[in-house]
C-alpha cells in the first residue's frame, strides 16, 4: 500500500501518517526502488491503534508508552488514569451545568448571579445602591470568588461568616455610610480616627490576622467592612486597587485601621 491508501484504510490523512512517522509513533516502512514507502498490514494495525488511543484522549507521549509495552500493562494503567481524569471532568461539567440551570431558573439574572451561590448570598446583604464603598466591596468580592480555588473561596466565606449576622450587618451598613461621608473630607478630619477605631472593633480577630498576614511590610489601606483578604502572592495588589478608588481621608482611615491591627496581632 502507498501512504494515501494506508491513510484512507484507517481513516486519517496522509499528513497525519507523516506526522506520526516524525514522532516515532509509526515505524518507517521499507521504501521501494523509486523511493515510495510501501506499507503492509502490520503498519495498518499500528496506525489504527494510534488513532483509537488518540480518540480515547491519550496524549501522544502516553500513546508512545502504550505502544512500547508489548504486554499491555502500560495500556491498562494509562486507561485507568484516563478514566479517572474523565470522571473528574464529568463531575466538573455536572457542577457547571447545575449552576447554569440555577441561573436559567432565575426570573431576572443579574451580575451577582455569576458568582458562587454562597458568595451571591453575601453580596445580597451589601447595600444595593447609594454606597460607593459597598460597590467597591461587591466588585472585589466577586473578583476573589472568581479567581480563588475552592479552598481559598471556602476560607474567605468562613472569615466573613461573623459579619453576616444581623447585628454585624447593621453595623457594617452604618460603617459604609460613614466611609462614604468622608469622600470629600480632609485626612485630618476628627471623624477619621473615630471611624478607624470602630472599623477595628468590627473586624473579627481571625479575619484581622489574615488581613495583616497578606499585607506588604508597610502599612496600607484595608478592605472596607464585610471584606476578606486577597490571597498571596498578590496581597498588596488589592491594596493598590483600593487606593486608586478612595479619597485621602478614606485612605487615612485604612492606614489607621491597619496600623492598629498590626499592633494587635
Protein backbone atom coordinates (compact mmCIF):
# COMPACT_ATOMS: atom_id res chain seq x y z
CA UNK A 1 0.00 0.00 0.00
CA UNK A 2 1.06 3.57 -0.62
CA UNK A 3 0.68 6.22 2.07
CA UNK A 4 -2.59 7.53 0.65
CA UNK A 5 -4.08 4.04 0.56
CA UNK A 6 -3.00 3.36 4.15
CA UNK A 7 -4.45 6.66 5.34
CA UNK A 8 -7.76 6.01 3.58
CA UNK A 9 -7.95 2.48 5.00
CA UNK A 10 -7.51 3.66 8.61
CA UNK A 11 -9.46 6.89 8.20
CA UNK A 12 -6.78 9.51 8.69
CA UNK A 13 -4.96 11.90 6.39
CA UNK A 14 -1.62 11.25 4.72
CA UNK A 15 -0.33 14.28 6.60
CA UNK A 16 -1.28 12.60 9.90
CA UNK A 17 0.63 9.47 8.89
CA UNK A 18 3.73 11.55 8.15
CA UNK A 19 3.30 13.33 11.50
CA UNK A 20 3.20 10.00 13.33
CA UNK A 21 6.36 8.96 11.50
CA UNK A 22 8.04 12.17 12.64
CA UNK A 23 7.03 11.44 16.26
CA UNK A 24 8.20 7.82 16.02
CA UNK A 25 4.70 6.55 16.76
CA UNK A 26 4.59 4.74 13.43
CA UNK A 27 7.75 2.97 12.24
CA UNK A 28 9.09 3.95 8.83
CA UNK A 29 8.30 1.18 6.31
CA UNK A 30 10.66 -0.08 3.67
CA UNK A 31 10.97 2.08 0.60
CA UNK A 32 10.75 0.82 -2.96
CA UNK A 33 13.42 1.47 -5.53
CA UNK A 34 11.53 4.56 -6.67
CA UNK A 35 11.64 5.99 -3.12
CA UNK A 36 7.96 5.48 -2.28
CA UNK A 37 7.01 4.00 1.09
CA UNK A 38 5.46 0.56 0.94
CA UNK A 39 3.06 -0.25 3.79
CA UNK A 40 1.73 -3.61 4.87
CA UNK A 41 -0.99 -4.99 7.13
CA UNK A 42 1.14 -4.58 10.27
CA UNK A 43 1.51 -0.85 9.55
CA UNK A 44 -2.26 -0.51 9.20
CA UNK A 45 -2.81 -2.27 12.54
CA UNK A 46 -0.34 0.00 14.35
CA UNK A 47 -1.81 3.13 12.76
CA UNK A 48 -5.33 2.03 13.70
CA UNK A 49 -4.19 1.53 17.33
CA UNK A 50 -2.68 5.02 17.41
CA UNK A 51 -5.89 6.53 16.06
CA UNK A 52 -8.07 4.65 18.57
CA UNK A 53 -5.88 5.62 21.54
CA UNK A 54 -5.89 9.26 20.42
CA UNK A 55 -9.69 9.17 20.20
CA UNK A 56 -9.80 7.90 23.80
CA UNK A 57 -7.97 11.05 24.87
CA UNK A 58 -4.43 9.80 25.41
CA UNK A 59 -1.61 12.22 24.72
CA UNK A 60 0.96 11.34 22.09
CA UNK A 61 3.55 10.63 24.80
CA UNK A 62 1.10 8.25 26.50
CA UNK A 63 0.39 6.53 23.19
CA UNK A 64 4.12 6.05 22.67
CA UNK A 65 4.39 4.40 26.10
CA UNK A 66 1.47 2.11 25.35
CA UNK A 67 2.86 1.02 22.01
CA UNK A 68 6.24 0.31 23.59
CA UNK A 69 4.74 -2.15 26.10
CA UNK A 70 4.10 -5.46 24.39
CA UNK A 71 2.36 -6.99 27.40
CA UNK A 72 -0.31 -4.31 27.65
CA UNK A 73 0.29 -3.44 31.30
CA UNK A 74 1.07 0.17 30.43
CA UNK A 75 -2.15 0.40 28.45
CA UNK A 76 -4.27 -0.71 31.42
CA UNK A 77 -2.57 1.76 33.74
CA UNK A 78 -2.89 4.65 31.28
CA UNK A 79 -6.54 3.83 30.57
CA UNK A 80 -7.32 3.77 34.30
CA UNK A 81 -5.72 7.19 34.70
CA UNK A 82 -7.66 8.45 31.69
CA UNK A 83 -10.90 7.09 33.14
CA UNK A 84 -10.24 8.89 36.44
CA UNK A 85 -9.47 12.07 34.51
CA UNK A 86 -12.70 11.85 32.56
CA UNK A 87 -14.64 11.21 35.78
CA UNK A 88 -13.23 14.42 37.27
CA UNK A 89 -14.10 16.34 34.12
CA UNK A 90 -17.59 14.88 34.16
CA UNK A 91 -18.06 15.97 37.78
CA UNK A 92 -16.83 19.48 36.97
CA UNK A 93 -19.13 19.71 33.96
CA UNK A 94 -22.02 18.49 36.09
CA UNK A 95 -21.38 21.22 38.67
CA UNK A 96 -21.22 23.85 35.93
CA UNK A 97 -24.46 22.61 34.41
CA UNK A 98 -26.15 22.70 37.83
CA UNK A 99 -25.01 26.31 38.25
CA UNK A 100 -26.21 27.16 34.75
CA UNK A 101 -29.60 25.58 35.47
CA UNK A 102 -29.88 27.70 38.62
CA UNK A 103 -29.10 30.85 36.62
CA UNK A 104 -31.63 29.96 33.93
CA UNK A 105 -34.25 29.35 36.64
CA UNK A 106 -33.90 32.93 37.89
CA UNK A 107 -36.58 35.27 36.60
CA UNK A 108 -34.09 38.10 36.07
CA UNK A 109 -30.43 37.00 36.14
CA UNK A 110 -28.02 39.79 37.19
CA UNK A 111 -24.21 40.13 37.50
CA UNK A 112 -24.18 38.90 41.12
CA UNK A 113 -25.70 35.66 39.86
CA UNK A 114 -22.41 34.78 38.15
CA UNK A 115 -20.54 34.18 41.42
CA UNK A 116 -20.87 31.09 43.60
CA UNK A 117 -24.20 30.70 45.43
CA UNK A 118 -22.58 31.29 48.84
CA UNK A 119 -20.91 34.48 47.65
CA UNK A 120 -24.13 35.61 45.97
CA UNK A 121 -25.83 35.37 49.37
CA UNK A 122 -23.11 37.58 50.89
CA UNK A 123 -23.44 40.15 48.12
CA UNK A 124 -27.18 40.33 48.61
CA UNK A 125 -26.53 41.55 52.16
CA UNK A 126 -24.46 44.52 50.97
CA UNK A 127 -26.23 47.83 50.37
CA UNK A 128 -27.60 47.57 46.85
CA UNK A 129 -27.45 51.24 45.89
CA UNK A 130 -26.15 54.55 47.16
CA UNK A 131 -22.86 53.40 48.74
CA UNK A 132 -19.69 53.76 46.71
CA UNK A 133 -17.79 51.63 49.22
CA UNK A 134 -20.36 48.85 49.07
CA UNK A 135 -19.99 48.91 45.28
CA UNK A 136 -16.18 48.57 45.54
CA UNK A 137 -16.56 45.76 48.08
CA UNK A 138 -19.02 43.97 45.83
CA UNK A 139 -16.62 44.14 42.86
CA UNK A 140 -13.60 42.94 44.86
CA UNK A 141 -15.51 40.09 46.46
CA UNK A 142 -16.84 38.97 43.08
CA UNK A 143 -13.29 39.08 41.70
CA UNK A 144 -11.85 36.99 44.56
CA UNK A 145 -14.71 34.50 44.26
CA UNK A 146 -14.00 34.11 40.55
CA UNK A 147 -10.22 33.64 40.72
CA UNK A 148 -9.91 31.71 44.01
CA UNK A 149 -9.70 27.94 44.09
CA UNK A 150 -12.35 26.07 46.13
CA UNK A 151 -10.25 26.04 49.32
CA UNK A 152 -9.49 29.76 49.06
CA UNK A 153 -13.15 30.53 48.44
CA UNK A 154 -14.16 28.44 51.45
CA UNK A 155 -11.62 30.23 53.64
CA UNK A 156 -12.94 33.62 52.54
CA UNK A 157 -16.53 32.65 53.31
CA UNK A 158 -15.54 31.28 56.73
CA UNK A 159 -13.77 34.55 57.58
CA UNK A 160 -16.79 36.58 56.51
CA UNK A 161 -19.41 34.48 58.26
CA UNK A 162 -19.36 36.50 61.54
CA UNK A 163 -20.04 39.66 59.50
CA UNK A 164 -23.22 38.20 58.04
CA UNK A 165 -25.02 38.06 61.39
CA UNK A 166 -27.91 40.56 61.62
CA UNK A 167 -26.23 42.86 64.18
CA UNK A 168 -22.94 42.81 62.28
CA UNK A 169 -24.74 43.60 59.02
CA UNK A 170 -26.42 46.62 60.59
CA UNK A 171 -23.08 47.89 61.91
CA UNK A 172 -21.50 47.24 58.52
CA UNK A 173 -24.12 49.29 56.71
CA UNK A 174 -23.55 52.16 59.12
CA UNK A 175 -19.79 51.95 58.59
CA UNK A 176 -20.29 52.08 54.84
CA UNK A 177 -22.37 55.23 55.28
CA UNK A 178 -19.71 56.89 57.43
CA UNK A 179 -16.97 55.96 54.94
CA UNK A 180 -18.99 57.44 52.10
CA UNK A 181 -19.39 60.66 54.10
CA UNK A 182 -15.59 61.12 54.12
CA UNK A 183 -15.39 61.23 50.33
CA UNK A 184 -14.63 64.98 50.30
CA UNK A 185 -13.17 65.31 53.80
CA UNK A 186 -9.65 66.27 54.83
CA UNK A 187 -7.38 63.48 56.20
CA UNK A 188 -7.21 65.43 59.47
CA UNK A 189 -11.00 65.35 59.92
CA UNK A 190 -11.78 64.19 63.50
CA UNK A 191 -14.23 61.63 62.11
CA UNK A 192 -11.32 59.68 60.57
CA UNK A 193 -9.83 58.39 63.83
CA UNK A 194 -13.23 57.57 65.32
CA UNK A 195 -14.28 55.61 62.23
CA UNK A 196 -10.97 53.73 62.15
CA UNK A 197 -11.45 52.65 65.76
CA UNK A 198 -14.98 51.42 65.02
CA UNK A 199 -13.77 49.53 61.95
CA UNK A 200 -11.10 47.77 64.01
CA UNK A 201 -13.74 46.74 66.54
CA UNK A 202 -15.96 45.48 63.72
CA UNK A 203 -13.39 43.19 62.06
CA UNK A 204 -13.30 39.65 63.59
CA UNK A 205 -9.97 38.62 65.11
CA UNK A 206 -9.34 35.77 62.66
CA UNK A 207 -10.02 38.00 59.67
CA UNK A 208 -7.72 40.67 61.10
CA UNK A 209 -4.88 38.16 61.41
CA UNK A 210 -5.25 37.00 57.81
CA UNK A 211 -5.52 40.57 56.55
CA UNK A 212 -2.27 41.55 58.27
CA UNK A 213 -0.52 38.40 57.03
CA UNK A 214 -1.46 39.26 53.43
CA UNK A 215 -0.23 42.84 53.51
CA UNK A 216 3.01 44.41 52.34
CA UNK A 217 5.53 45.28 55.09
CA UNK A 218 4.49 48.94 55.01
CA UNK A 219 1.03 49.78 56.39
CA UNK A 220 -1.59 50.07 53.68
CA UNK A 221 -5.36 50.55 53.40
CA UNK A 222 -7.59 47.68 54.43
CA UNK A 223 -10.66 46.36 52.74
CA UNK A 224 -13.90 48.02 53.93
CA UNK A 225 -16.31 46.25 56.32
CA UNK A 226 -17.51 42.88 55.17
CA UNK A 227 -14.46 42.17 53.02
CA UNK A 228 -11.99 39.35 53.18
CA UNK A 229 -8.31 39.38 52.21
CA UNK A 230 -6.88 38.64 48.84
CA UNK A 231 -4.76 35.51 48.64
CA UNK A 232 -0.96 35.63 48.43
CA UNK A 233 1.20 36.27 46.46
CA UNK A 234 -0.80 39.34 45.36
CA UNK A 235 -1.83 40.54 48.81
CA UNK A 236 -0.62 44.07 48.07
CA UNK A 237 -2.32 44.27 44.70
CA UNK A 238 -5.83 44.78 46.03
CA UNK A 239 -4.43 47.50 48.28
CA UNK A 240 -3.19 49.38 45.24
CA UNK A 241 -6.57 48.89 43.62
CA UNK A 242 -8.31 50.22 46.71
CA UNK A 243 -6.02 53.25 46.95
CA UNK A 244 -6.96 54.24 43.41
CA UNK A 245 -10.64 54.25 44.38
CA UNK A 246 -10.67 56.16 47.69
CA UNK A 247 -10.23 59.75 48.84
CA UNK A 248 -7.28 60.89 51.03
CA UNK A 249 -9.46 60.88 54.15
CA UNK A 250 -10.77 57.39 53.43
CA UNK A 251 -7.25 56.17 52.79
CA UNK A 252 -6.18 57.60 56.14
CA UNK A 253 -8.94 55.59 57.83
CA UNK A 254 -7.48 52.40 56.38
CA UNK A 255 -3.94 53.38 57.32
CA UNK A 256 -5.06 53.77 60.93
CA UNK A 257 -7.01 50.50 60.80
CA UNK A 258 -4.04 48.51 59.53
CA UNK A 259 -1.62 50.12 61.96
CA UNK A 260 -3.89 49.17 64.85
CA UNK A 261 -4.46 45.64 63.57
CA UNK A 262 -0.70 45.08 63.17
CA UNK A 263 -0.11 46.21 66.73
CA UNK A 264 -2.71 43.75 67.99
CA UNK A 265 -1.58 40.69 66.02
